[in-house]
Amino acid sequence: MTADQYIMNVFEIAALNYPGSIRKRIKFFFRVMLYGQQCVTKISGIFNDPRLKQIILKNPSHYTKIFRPYLHKGLRINDRVLSINNHYEFVKKYWNAKLMHAVYHEKWMRLADISFDKESQFHIVMQQSSKQYENEGELIIGIFNHHKIISVCFNFTKNKNGDRGIYISSAQGSSKKDFPETKDTIKYFTKNMGGMRPQALLIFVLTVIASTYRLKNILAVKTASHIKCKRIKTNLDVLWADMGGTPLDKISYSLPIHYQRKSIDNIKTNKRAMYKRRYAMLDQVENQIRCSLTQR
């Protein structure tokens, strides 16, 4: 690639990402000049695969988001690029064509359905991160009814030892202003799910994904390390602790890689029916997820 080609490509990328803002294009151009051609070249290299090329063409913001906080606070630009590389390296290696097409071209994959009665249908969906959350991770898993109940952003990761895992970078509920009925929906869901809250079910879903791909760890960002820590309302530290997580370092929590079920014999008699219902539904959800991830 010649210098002229390089400069032209940078301008093309800027035009694709900021079609209505010359100021933002210039800002992006100087960021590339500051950090060098290498970062842009590496992003191009990540998606230089027939299975991934359409992703970068439809989402050129992969070139720009590396210049902003990504995944968690304190991640340097080379590590941001590496995080994106590790995620898509996993996708290329472990995802079949059907799953990849559903998530990145049809925009979502329904992993499982939960039905409490004929009128209440809940769906567990995996989708590519929307523009609103694109710097918080590459994927979103959420529970939807007529609208989103709750979701988490995450990446597939690889540590220095080569162990693959999941990194949860955020958790979002629906807007109480736009969907005031969400609180009642969550109560209804929890009651009918045998006392299991939606956020706990999402963590269960991630343990099923981890088990399916034989991943080694599930980590989650601390509140203070969230890239939008001043704006988020959820105390993530409390949430992860409630899920059985323990502090790993100043940035992350470590969550259990397997869902821990209580022995029915150790549960109070008046609550056994509730737990049996919960576990039966979790078995159904797990079977659906495994099928969705592996069916070709």
Foldseek 3Di string as FASTA:
>chain_A
DDPVVLLVVLLVLLCVVCVPDPPSSVVSSVLCVVVDPVLQVLLVVLQPDPLRVVQCVVPVCVSVLLSAQAQWPPQHSVNRSVQVSFQSVCCVVQFDSVVSCCARPVFKFFQDWDDLDPQWIKTWMKHADDPVCNRNAGIKTFIATPHTAKIWHWGWGADPVRAIAIETQDMDGDDCVVPVCSVVVQVVVCVSLLNDGRVLVVVQLRLLVCVLVVGDWYKYFALVTRSPSVPDDDRVVVVQVVQVWDDDDPTIITHDSHRDQDDLVPDDPVSSVSSVSNVVVSVNSSVSNSCSRPPD
